[in-house]
Amino acid sequence: MTRQELEHIIRASAEITDQYEFVIVGSQSILGTQPHPEDVFTVSMEADIYPLNAPELADRIDGAIGEGSQFHETYGYYAQGVGPDTAVLPKDWRQRVCRVQNANTNDRVGYCLGTADLFLAKAAAGRDKDREFCMALLEYGYVTLDQVLPLIASMELDERAQRSLKATVRRWSQAALGRH
């Protein structure tokens, strides 16, 4: 997915829901902070999105421009309507969002997660594809341990899960630095 395609999804989501502001929480939120990232970050065909002030309308997005829709077949990418609970994030993540708003979004707003928050959401999910994505964020220098480790304490995870996440992040960082 490209930045222009993400902007199209924001515009289409606004038309479908009659909402003004949206949150993008998945891997494609990287396109907010990095409009032209390396190819490893743009392989996904989907953007995880929900209306900021009416998250219950995410189902409308999914139905109209989701996987398998006419939109998907026409453009080759799609939106996945998700909810605010889709990603486990640090409490103050909204302070670090990157605002995507321009003529291509019809001046509607897409709030993309800050890179450290995206990293932590992916790390907390812990799937293989998330691990690879996080390793690439570390490898390309989009995040550092100093940025992400302090944020873990404000995530809604119990103490054991926070310790485990910190250990995982440290391990991934060592492995990513070893790739060079």
N, C-alpha and C. Protein backbone atom coordinates (compact mmCIF):
# COMPACT_ATOMS: atom_id res chain seq x y z
N MET A 1 0.84 -1.18 0.00
CA MET A 1 0.00 0.00 0.00
C MET A 1 0.89 1.25 0.00
N THR A 2 0.47 2.24 -0.70
CA THR A 2 1.19 3.51 -0.75
C THR A 2 0.46 4.55 0.10
N ARG A 3 1.12 5.68 0.32
CA ARG A 3 0.50 6.77 1.07
C ARG A 3 -0.76 7.25 0.34
N GLN A 4 -0.69 7.36 -0.98
CA GLN A 4 -1.83 7.82 -1.76
C GLN A 4 -3.02 6.85 -1.62
N GLU A 5 -2.73 5.56 -1.58
CA GLU A 5 -3.79 4.56 -1.40
C GLU A 5 -4.41 4.66 0.00
N LEU A 6 -3.58 4.90 1.00
CA LEU A 6 -4.11 5.10 2.36
C LEU A 6 -5.01 6.33 2.39
N GLU A 7 -4.60 7.39 1.73
CA GLU A 7 -5.42 8.60 1.67
C GLU A 7 -6.76 8.31 1.01
N HIS A 8 -6.75 7.46 -0.02
CA HIS A 8 -7.99 7.06 -0.69
C HIS A 8 -8.90 6.32 0.29
N ILE A 9 -8.33 5.45 1.10
CA ILE A 9 -9.12 4.70 2.09
C ILE A 9 -9.73 5.65 3.12
N ILE A 10 -8.98 6.65 3.54
CA ILE A 10 -9.51 7.64 4.49
C ILE A 10 -10.69 8.37 3.85
N ARG A 11 -10.51 8.80 2.61
CA ARG A 11 -11.56 9.53 1.89
C ARG A 11 -12.80 8.65 1.72
N ALA A 12 -12.60 7.41 1.31
CA ALA A 12 -13.73 6.49 1.11
C ALA A 12 -14.42 6.18 2.43
N SER A 13 -13.66 6.00 3.50
CA SER A 13 -14.24 5.73 4.82
C SER A 13 -15.10 6.90 5.28
N ALA A 14 -14.66 8.12 4.98
CA ALA A 14 -15.43 9.30 5.34
C ALA A 14 -16.75 9.34 4.57
N GLU A 15 -16.70 9.00 3.29
CA GLU A 15 -17.92 8.99 2.48
C GLU A 15 -18.92 7.95 2.99
N ILE A 16 -18.42 6.81 3.41
CA ILE A 16 -19.26 5.71 3.86
C ILE A 16 -19.92 6.01 5.21
N THR A 17 -19.16 6.63 6.11
CA THR A 17 -19.62 6.81 7.50
C THR A 17 -20.09 8.22 7.82
N ASP A 18 -19.81 9.17 6.94
CA ASP A 18 -20.11 10.58 7.19
C ASP A 18 -19.39 11.06 8.44
N GLN A 19 -18.19 10.54 8.67
CA GLN A 19 -17.35 10.95 9.79
C GLN A 19 -16.17 11.77 9.26
N TYR A 20 -15.52 12.51 10.14
CA TYR A 20 -14.46 13.42 9.76
C TYR A 20 -13.07 12.91 10.14
N GLU A 21 -12.97 12.20 11.28
CA GLU A 21 -11.68 11.77 11.80
C GLU A 21 -11.63 10.25 11.94
N PHE A 22 -10.48 9.69 11.58
CA PHE A 22 -10.28 8.24 11.61
C PHE A 22 -8.95 7.91 12.25
N VAL A 23 -8.87 6.72 12.81
CA VAL A 23 -7.63 6.23 13.39
C VAL A 23 -7.18 5.03 12.58
N ILE A 24 -5.92 5.03 12.19
CA ILE A 24 -5.33 3.90 11.46
C ILE A 24 -4.36 3.23 12.43
N VAL A 25 -4.62 1.96 12.75
CA VAL A 25 -3.83 1.29 13.79
C VAL A 25 -2.91 0.20 13.28
N GLY A 26 -3.12 -0.31 12.11
CA GLY A 26 -2.32 -1.43 11.63
C GLY A 26 -0.98 -1.00 11.05
N SER A 27 -0.34 -1.94 10.40
CA SER A 27 1.00 -1.70 9.86
C SER A 27 1.04 -0.51 8.90
N GLN A 28 -0.05 -0.27 8.20
CA GLN A 28 -0.03 0.82 7.24
C GLN A 28 -0.10 2.20 7.87
N SER A 29 -0.21 2.27 9.19
CA SER A 29 -0.10 3.56 9.85
C SER A 29 1.33 4.10 9.72
N ILE A 30 2.27 3.25 9.33
CA ILE A 30 3.64 3.70 9.06
C ILE A 30 3.65 4.79 7.99
N LEU A 31 2.64 4.76 7.12
CA LEU A 31 2.58 5.72 6.02
C LEU A 31 2.29 7.14 6.50
N GLY A 32 1.90 7.29 7.75
CA GLY A 32 1.72 8.62 8.32
C GLY A 32 3.06 9.27 8.62
N THR A 33 3.92 8.54 9.31
CA THR A 33 5.23 9.09 9.69
C THR A 33 6.26 8.94 8.58
N GLN A 34 6.09 7.93 7.74
CA GLN A 34 7.03 7.66 6.65
C GLN A 34 6.24 7.55 5.34
N PRO A 35 6.01 8.64 4.64
CA PRO A 35 5.18 8.58 3.43
C PRO A 35 5.72 7.65 2.34
N HIS A 36 7.04 7.43 2.33
CA HIS A 36 7.64 6.56 1.31
C HIS A 36 8.64 5.60 1.96
N PRO A 37 8.13 4.68 2.79
CA PRO A 37 9.05 3.76 3.49
C PRO A 37 9.58 2.67 2.56
N GLU A 38 10.54 1.94 3.05
CA GLU A 38 11.08 0.81 2.30
C GLU A 38 9.97 -0.19 1.99
N ASP A 39 10.16 -0.97 0.94
CA ASP A 39 9.14 -1.92 0.47
C ASP A 39 8.67 -2.90 1.54
N VAL A 40 9.54 -3.27 2.45
CA VAL A 40 9.18 -4.24 3.49
C VAL A 40 7.98 -3.76 4.32
N PHE A 41 7.76 -2.45 4.37
CA PHE A 41 6.68 -1.88 5.19
C PHE A 41 5.37 -1.70 4.43
N THR A 42 5.38 -1.91 3.13
CA THR A 42 4.19 -1.60 2.33
C THR A 42 3.60 -2.83 1.64
N VAL A 43 3.94 -4.02 2.11
CA VAL A 43 3.45 -5.24 1.45
C VAL A 43 1.98 -5.52 1.74
N SER A 44 1.46 -4.99 2.85
CA SER A 44 0.06 -5.26 3.19
C SER A 44 -0.88 -4.55 2.22
N MET A 45 -1.98 -5.21 1.90
CA MET A 45 -3.01 -4.64 1.02
C MET A 45 -4.13 -4.01 1.83
N GLU A 46 -4.04 -4.06 3.15
CA GLU A 46 -5.15 -3.58 3.98
C GLU A 46 -4.72 -2.51 4.96
N ALA A 47 -5.65 -1.62 5.25
CA ALA A 47 -5.45 -0.61 6.28
C ALA A 47 -6.50 -0.85 7.37
N ASP A 48 -6.05 -1.00 8.60
CA ASP A 48 -6.95 -1.17 9.75
C ASP A 48 -7.38 0.22 10.21
N ILE A 49 -8.69 0.48 10.16
CA ILE A 49 -9.19 1.84 10.37
C ILE A 49 -10.50 1.83 11.13
N TYR A 50 -10.73 2.89 11.92
CA TYR A 50 -12.04 3.08 12.55
C TYR A 50 -12.31 4.57 12.71
N PRO A 51 -13.58 4.95 12.69
CA PRO A 51 -13.93 6.35 12.92
C PRO A 51 -13.66 6.72 14.39
N LEU A 52 -12.92 7.79 14.60
CA LEU A 52 -12.52 8.19 15.95
C LEU A 52 -13.72 8.39 16.88
N ASN A 53 -14.72 9.10 16.42
CA ASN A 53 -15.84 9.44 17.28
C ASN A 53 -17.05 8.53 17.16
N ALA A 54 -16.96 7.55 16.29
CA ALA A 54 -18.07 6.59 16.12
C ALA A 54 -17.50 5.23 15.69
N PRO A 55 -16.69 4.62 16.56
CA PRO A 55 -16.03 3.37 16.17
C PRO A 55 -17.01 2.26 15.79
N GLU A 56 -18.26 2.38 16.26
CA GLU A 56 -19.26 1.36 15.92
C GLU A 56 -19.57 1.35 14.42
N LEU A 57 -19.17 2.39 13.70
CA LEU A 57 -19.41 2.45 12.25
C LEU A 57 -18.34 1.71 11.44
N ALA A 58 -17.37 1.14 12.12
CA ALA A 58 -16.29 0.41 11.42
C ALA A 58 -16.85 -0.74 10.58
N ASP A 59 -17.95 -1.34 11.01
CA ASP A 59 -18.56 -2.42 10.23
C ASP A 59 -19.00 -1.94 8.86
N ARG A 60 -19.44 -0.70 8.77
CA ARG A 60 -19.85 -0.14 7.48
C ARG A 60 -18.66 -0.05 6.53
N ILE A 61 -17.52 0.35 7.08
CA ILE A 61 -16.29 0.42 6.28
C ILE A 61 -15.93 -0.97 5.77
N ASP A 62 -15.95 -1.93 6.69
CA ASP A 62 -15.62 -3.31 6.34
C ASP A 62 -16.54 -3.83 5.24
N GLY A 63 -17.83 -3.56 5.35
CA GLY A 63 -18.79 -4.04 4.38
C GLY A 63 -18.65 -3.40 3.01
N ALA A 64 -18.34 -2.11 2.98
CA ALA A 64 -18.30 -1.38 1.72
C ALA A 64 -16.96 -1.45 1.00
N ILE A 65 -15.85 -1.36 1.75
CA ILE A 65 -14.54 -1.33 1.09
C ILE A 65 -13.57 -2.34 1.71
N GLY A 66 -14.14 -3.39 2.32
CA GLY A 66 -13.33 -4.41 2.97
C GLY A 66 -12.86 -5.49 2.02
N GLU A 67 -12.24 -6.50 2.59
CA GLU A 67 -11.70 -7.62 1.80
C GLU A 67 -12.81 -8.27 0.98
N GLY A 68 -12.52 -8.48 -0.30
CA GLY A 68 -13.47 -9.13 -1.19
C GLY A 68 -14.53 -8.20 -1.77
N SER A 69 -14.53 -6.94 -1.37
CA SER A 69 -15.51 -5.97 -1.87
C SER A 69 -15.18 -5.56 -3.31
N GLN A 70 -16.11 -4.86 -3.93
CA GLN A 70 -15.88 -4.31 -5.26
C GLN A 70 -14.69 -3.33 -5.22
N PHE A 71 -14.61 -2.57 -4.16
CA PHE A 71 -13.48 -1.64 -3.96
C PHE A 71 -12.17 -2.41 -4.01
N HIS A 72 -12.08 -3.50 -3.25
CA HIS A 72 -10.88 -4.33 -3.20
C HIS A 72 -10.54 -4.88 -4.58
N GLU A 73 -11.54 -5.40 -5.27
CA GLU A 73 -11.32 -5.96 -6.60
C GLU A 73 -10.87 -4.88 -7.59
N THR A 74 -11.42 -3.69 -7.45
CA THR A 74 -11.09 -2.59 -8.36
C THR A 74 -9.69 -2.04 -8.12
N TYR A 75 -9.34 -1.81 -6.86
CA TYR A 75 -8.09 -1.12 -6.56
C TYR A 75 -6.95 -2.02 -6.08
N GLY A 76 -7.26 -3.22 -5.62
CA GLY A 76 -6.21 -4.12 -5.17
C GLY A 76 -5.79 -3.91 -3.72
N TYR A 77 -6.46 -3.04 -3.01
CA TYR A 77 -6.24 -2.83 -1.59
C TYR A 77 -7.59 -2.58 -0.93
N TYR A 78 -7.63 -2.63 0.39
CA TYR A 78 -8.91 -2.51 1.07
C TYR A 78 -8.73 -2.04 2.50
N ALA A 79 -9.86 -1.71 3.12
CA ALA A 79 -9.88 -1.30 4.52
C ALA A 79 -10.43 -2.43 5.36
N GLN A 80 -9.90 -2.56 6.54
CA GLN A 80 -10.49 -3.47 7.52
C GLN A 80 -11.02 -2.60 8.65
N GLY A 81 -12.32 -2.59 8.80
CA GLY A 81 -12.93 -1.83 9.89
C GLY A 81 -12.64 -2.54 11.20
N VAL A 82 -11.97 -1.85 12.10
CA VAL A 82 -11.59 -2.42 13.39
C VAL A 82 -12.14 -1.52 14.50
N GLY A 83 -11.78 -1.82 15.72
CA GLY A 83 -12.23 -1.01 16.84
C GLY A 83 -11.07 -0.50 17.66
N PRO A 84 -11.35 0.38 18.62
CA PRO A 84 -10.31 0.94 19.48
C PRO A 84 -9.56 -0.12 20.29
N ASP A 85 -10.19 -1.27 20.51
CA ASP A 85 -9.53 -2.32 21.30
C ASP A 85 -8.69 -3.27 20.46
N THR A 86 -8.60 -3.01 19.18
CA THR A 86 -7.84 -3.89 18.29
C THR A 86 -6.37 -3.93 18.67
N ALA A 87 -5.82 -2.79 19.05
CA ALA A 87 -4.40 -2.69 19.37
C ALA A 87 -4.22 -2.33 20.84
N VAL A 88 -3.26 -2.98 21.48
CA VAL A 88 -2.87 -2.61 22.84
C VAL A 88 -1.82 -1.52 22.70
N LEU A 89 -2.15 -0.34 23.22
CA LEU A 89 -1.29 0.83 23.03
C LEU A 89 -0.93 1.50 24.35
N PRO A 90 0.17 2.25 24.38
CA PRO A 90 0.45 3.07 25.56
C PRO A 90 -0.68 4.08 25.77
N LYS A 91 -0.91 4.45 27.02
CA LYS A 91 -2.04 5.33 27.35
C LYS A 91 -2.03 6.66 26.59
N ASP A 92 -0.88 7.23 26.35
CA ASP A 92 -0.81 8.56 25.73
C ASP A 92 -0.50 8.51 24.23
N TRP A 93 -0.90 7.45 23.56
CA TRP A 93 -0.58 7.27 22.13
C TRP A 93 -1.11 8.41 21.27
N ARG A 94 -2.23 9.00 21.66
CA ARG A 94 -2.82 10.08 20.84
C ARG A 94 -1.91 11.30 20.75
N GLN A 95 -1.03 11.47 21.71
CA GLN A 95 -0.10 12.59 21.68
C GLN A 95 0.97 12.43 20.60
N ARG A 96 1.11 11.21 20.07
CA ARG A 96 2.18 10.95 19.11
C ARG A 96 1.66 10.58 17.71
N VAL A 97 0.37 10.73 17.47
CA VAL A 97 -0.15 10.37 16.15
C VAL A 97 0.37 11.32 15.08
N CYS A 98 0.38 10.84 13.87
CA CYS A 98 0.73 11.66 12.72
C CYS A 98 -0.54 11.91 11.93
N ARG A 99 -0.85 13.14 11.72
CA ARG A 99 -2.09 13.54 11.05
C ARG A 99 -1.90 13.49 9.53
N VAL A 100 -2.78 12.75 8.86
CA VAL A 100 -2.79 12.71 7.40
C VAL A 100 -4.07 13.40 6.96
N GLN A 101 -3.91 14.56 6.34
CA GLN A 101 -5.06 15.35 5.91
C GLN A 101 -4.62 16.22 4.74
N ASN A 102 -5.29 16.04 3.61
CA ASN A 102 -4.95 16.82 2.42
C ASN A 102 -6.10 16.73 1.41
N ALA A 103 -5.88 17.25 0.23
CA ALA A 103 -6.92 17.22 -0.81
C ALA A 103 -7.31 15.79 -1.17
N ASN A 104 -6.35 14.86 -1.12
CA ASN A 104 -6.63 13.47 -1.47
C ASN A 104 -7.50 12.76 -0.43
N THR A 105 -7.58 13.31 0.77
CA THR A 105 -8.48 12.75 1.80
C THR A 105 -9.78 13.55 1.86
N ASN A 106 -9.97 14.47 0.93
CA ASN A 106 -11.09 15.42 0.98
C ASN A 106 -11.08 16.19 2.29
N ASP A 107 -9.88 16.48 2.76
CA ASP A 107 -9.64 17.18 4.02
C ASP A 107 -10.15 16.44 5.25
N ARG A 108 -10.50 15.16 5.10
CA ARG A 108 -10.81 14.33 6.26
C ARG A 108 -9.48 13.95 6.91
N VAL A 109 -9.53 13.56 8.17
CA VAL A 109 -8.30 13.33 8.93
C VAL A 109 -8.11 11.85 9.22
N GLY A 110 -6.92 11.38 8.95
CA GLY A 110 -6.50 10.04 9.37
C GLY A 110 -5.39 10.20 10.37
N TYR A 111 -5.60 9.69 11.59
CA TYR A 111 -4.56 9.73 12.60
C TYR A 111 -3.81 8.40 12.56
N CYS A 112 -2.58 8.45 12.12
CA CYS A 112 -1.74 7.25 12.05
C CYS A 112 -0.92 7.16 13.34
N LEU A 113 -0.81 5.96 13.86
CA LEU A 113 -0.02 5.76 15.07
C LEU A 113 1.40 6.27 14.87
N GLY A 114 1.96 6.84 15.93
CA GLY A 114 3.38 7.17 15.91
C GLY A 114 4.16 5.86 15.79
N THR A 115 5.36 5.95 15.29
CA THR A 115 6.14 4.74 15.00
C THR A 115 6.39 3.90 16.25
N ALA A 116 6.69 4.52 17.37
CA ALA A 116 6.93 3.76 18.61
C ALA A 116 5.66 3.04 19.05
N ASP A 117 4.52 3.70 18.92
CA ASP A 117 3.25 3.08 19.31
C ASP A 117 2.89 1.94 18.36
N LEU A 118 3.13 2.13 17.08
CA LEU A 118 2.90 1.07 16.10
C LEU A 118 3.77 -0.14 16.44
N PHE A 119 5.03 0.12 16.73
CA PHE A 119 5.95 -0.94 17.11
C PHE A 119 5.42 -1.72 18.31
N LEU A 120 4.99 -1.01 19.35
CA LEU A 120 4.53 -1.67 20.57
C LEU A 120 3.22 -2.43 20.35
N ALA A 121 2.33 -1.89 19.53
CA ALA A 121 1.09 -2.61 19.22
C ALA A 121 1.41 -3.92 18.52
N LYS A 122 2.33 -3.87 17.58
CA LYS A 122 2.74 -5.08 16.85
C LYS A 122 3.46 -6.06 17.79
N ALA A 123 4.33 -5.52 18.62
CA ALA A 123 5.08 -6.38 19.55
C ALA A 123 4.15 -7.07 20.53
N ALA A 124 3.14 -6.34 21.02
CA ALA A 124 2.18 -6.93 21.96
C ALA A 124 1.34 -7.99 21.29
N ALA A 125 1.03 -7.82 20.00
CA ALA A 125 0.25 -8.83 19.28
C ALA A 125 1.08 -10.09 19.10
N GLY A 126 2.35 -9.92 18.80
CA GLY A 126 3.31 -11.02 18.82
C GLY A 126 3.19 -12.09 17.75
N ARG A 127 2.50 -11.82 16.67
CA ARG A 127 2.43 -12.80 15.58
C ARG A 127 3.74 -12.79 14.80
N ASP A 128 3.99 -13.84 14.02
CA ASP A 128 5.23 -13.91 13.23
C ASP A 128 5.38 -12.70 12.33
N LYS A 129 4.29 -12.31 11.65
CA LYS A 129 4.38 -11.16 10.74
C LYS A 129 4.66 -9.87 11.52
N ASP A 130 4.17 -9.79 12.75
CA ASP A 130 4.42 -8.62 13.59
C ASP A 130 5.89 -8.57 14.01
N ARG A 131 6.44 -9.73 14.32
CA ARG A 131 7.85 -9.81 14.70
C ARG A 131 8.73 -9.30 13.57
N GLU A 132 8.46 -9.77 12.36
CA GLU A 132 9.25 -9.34 11.20
C GLU A 132 9.12 -7.84 10.96
N PHE A 133 7.91 -7.33 11.10
CA PHE A 133 7.67 -5.90 10.93
C PHE A 133 8.46 -5.10 11.97
N CYS A 134 8.39 -5.53 13.23
CA CYS A 134 9.10 -4.85 14.31
C CYS A 134 10.61 -4.91 14.11
N MET A 135 11.10 -6.05 13.69
CA MET A 135 12.53 -6.19 13.43
C MET A 135 12.97 -5.21 12.35
N ALA A 136 12.15 -5.06 11.32
CA ALA A 136 12.48 -4.12 10.25
C ALA A 136 12.46 -2.68 10.76
N LEU A 137 11.49 -2.35 11.63
CA LEU A 137 11.45 -0.99 12.20
C LEU A 137 12.74 -0.70 12.97
N LEU A 138 13.22 -1.68 13.69
CA LEU A 138 14.48 -1.54 14.42
C LEU A 138 15.67 -1.46 13.46
N GLU A 139 15.68 -2.35 12.50
CA GLU A 139 16.79 -2.44 11.56
C GLU A 139 16.96 -1.15 10.75
N TYR A 140 15.86 -0.56 10.33
CA TYR A 140 15.93 0.66 9.52
C TYR A 140 16.01 1.93 10.38
N GLY A 141 16.04 1.76 11.69
CA GLY A 141 16.22 2.89 12.59
C GLY A 141 14.99 3.75 12.80
N TYR A 142 13.81 3.22 12.48
CA TYR A 142 12.58 3.98 12.71
C TYR A 142 12.21 4.03 14.18
N VAL A 143 12.67 3.06 14.95
CA VAL A 143 12.49 3.06 16.40
C VAL A 143 13.77 2.58 17.07
N THR A 144 13.92 2.97 18.34
CA THR A 144 15.05 2.52 19.14
C THR A 144 14.52 2.00 20.48
N LEU A 145 15.34 1.24 21.15
CA LEU A 145 14.97 0.75 22.48
C LEU A 145 14.65 1.91 23.42
N ASP A 146 15.43 2.98 23.33
CA ASP A 146 15.21 4.13 24.21
C ASP A 146 13.84 4.76 23.99
N GLN A 147 13.30 4.65 22.79
CA GLN A 147 11.97 5.20 22.51
C GLN A 147 10.86 4.31 23.03
N VAL A 148 11.00 3.00 22.84
CA VAL A 148 9.87 2.10 23.11
C VAL A 148 9.83 1.53 24.52
N LEU A 149 10.96 1.23 25.11
CA LEU A 149 10.94 0.59 26.43
C LEU A 149 10.21 1.41 27.49
N PRO A 150 10.42 2.72 27.59
CA PRO A 150 9.70 3.49 28.63
C PRO A 150 8.18 3.50 28.44
N LEU A 151 7.72 3.35 27.21
CA LEU A 151 6.28 3.40 26.93
C LEU A 151 5.54 2.14 27.40
N ILE A 152 6.26 1.04 27.54
CA ILE A 152 5.62 -0.22 27.92
C ILE A 152 4.92 -0.11 29.27
N ALA A 153 5.49 0.67 30.19
CA ALA A 153 4.91 0.81 31.53
C ALA A 153 3.50 1.40 31.50
N SER A 154 3.15 2.13 30.42
CA SER A 154 1.82 2.73 30.36
C SER A 154 0.83 1.91 29.53
N MET A 155 1.24 0.73 29.14
CA MET A 155 0.33 -0.14 28.38
C MET A 155 -0.53 -0.93 29.35
N GLU A 156 -1.77 -1.19 28.93
CA GLU A 156 -2.68 -1.94 29.79
C GLU A 156 -2.36 -3.43 29.73
N LEU A 157 -1.24 -3.75 30.35
CA LEU A 157 -0.77 -5.13 30.47
C LEU A 157 -0.39 -5.35 31.94
N ASP A 158 -0.58 -6.56 32.42
CA ASP A 158 -0.17 -6.80 33.80
C ASP A 158 1.36 -6.80 33.87
N GLU A 159 1.87 -6.79 35.08
CA GLU A 159 3.32 -6.65 35.29
C GLU A 159 4.11 -7.76 34.59
N ARG A 160 3.59 -8.95 34.64
CA ARG A 160 4.27 -10.09 34.00
C ARG A 160 4.32 -9.91 32.48
N ALA A 161 3.22 -9.49 31.90
CA ALA A 161 3.18 -9.27 30.45
C ALA A 161 4.10 -8.11 30.04
N GLN A 162 4.18 -7.09 30.88
CA GLN A 162 5.10 -5.98 30.59
C GLN A 162 6.55 -6.45 30.61
N ARG A 163 6.90 -7.25 31.62
CA ARG A 163 8.28 -7.78 31.69
C ARG A 163 8.59 -8.63 30.46
N SER A 164 7.64 -9.47 30.09
CA SER A 164 7.82 -10.33 28.94
C SER A 164 7.99 -9.51 27.65
N LEU A 165 7.16 -8.48 27.51
CA LEU A 165 7.25 -7.63 26.32
C LEU A 165 8.59 -6.90 26.27
N LYS A 166 9.06 -6.40 27.40
CA LYS A 166 10.38 -5.74 27.45
C LYS A 166 11.49 -6.71 27.03
N ALA A 167 11.43 -7.94 27.52
CA ALA A 167 12.44 -8.93 27.17
C ALA A 167 12.39 -9.25 25.67
N THR A 168 11.19 -9.37 25.15
CA THR A 168 11.02 -9.65 23.72
C THR A 168 11.59 -8.51 22.88
N VAL A 169 11.27 -7.29 23.24
CA VAL A 169 11.75 -6.12 22.50
C VAL A 169 13.28 -6.05 22.54
N ARG A 170 13.86 -6.30 23.69
CA ARG A 170 15.34 -6.30 23.79
C ARG A 170 15.95 -7.38 22.90
N ARG A 171 15.34 -8.55 22.91
CA ARG A 171 15.83 -9.67 22.08
C ARG A 171 15.74 -9.31 20.59
N TRP A 172 14.62 -8.74 20.19
CA TRP A 172 14.45 -8.35 18.79
C TRP A 172 15.45 -7.28 18.39
N SER A 173 15.72 -6.36 19.30
CA SER A 173 16.66 -5.29 19.00
C SER A 173 18.06 -5.86 18.77
N GLN A 174 18.47 -6.78 19.63
CA GLN A 174 19.79 -7.42 19.45
C GLN A 174 19.86 -8.16 18.13
N ALA A 175 18.80 -8.87 17.79
CA ALA A 175 18.78 -9.63 16.54
C ALA A 175 18.78 -8.70 15.33
N ALA A 176 18.04 -7.60 15.42
CA ALA A 176 17.99 -6.63 14.30
C ALA A 176 19.34 -5.97 14.09
N LEU A 177 19.98 -5.62 15.18
CA LEU A 177 21.30 -4.99 15.06
C LEU A 177 22.33 -5.97 14.53
N GLY A 178 22.11 -7.26 14.81
CA GLY A 178 23.01 -8.30 14.31
C GLY A 178 22.89 -8.55 12.83
N ARG A 179 21.81 -8.07 12.21
CA ARG A 179 21.62 -8.26 10.76
C ARG A 179 22.58 -7.40 9.94
N HIS A 180 23.11 -6.34 10.57
CA HIS A 180 23.97 -5.42 9.81
C HIS A 180 25.37 -5.96 9.69
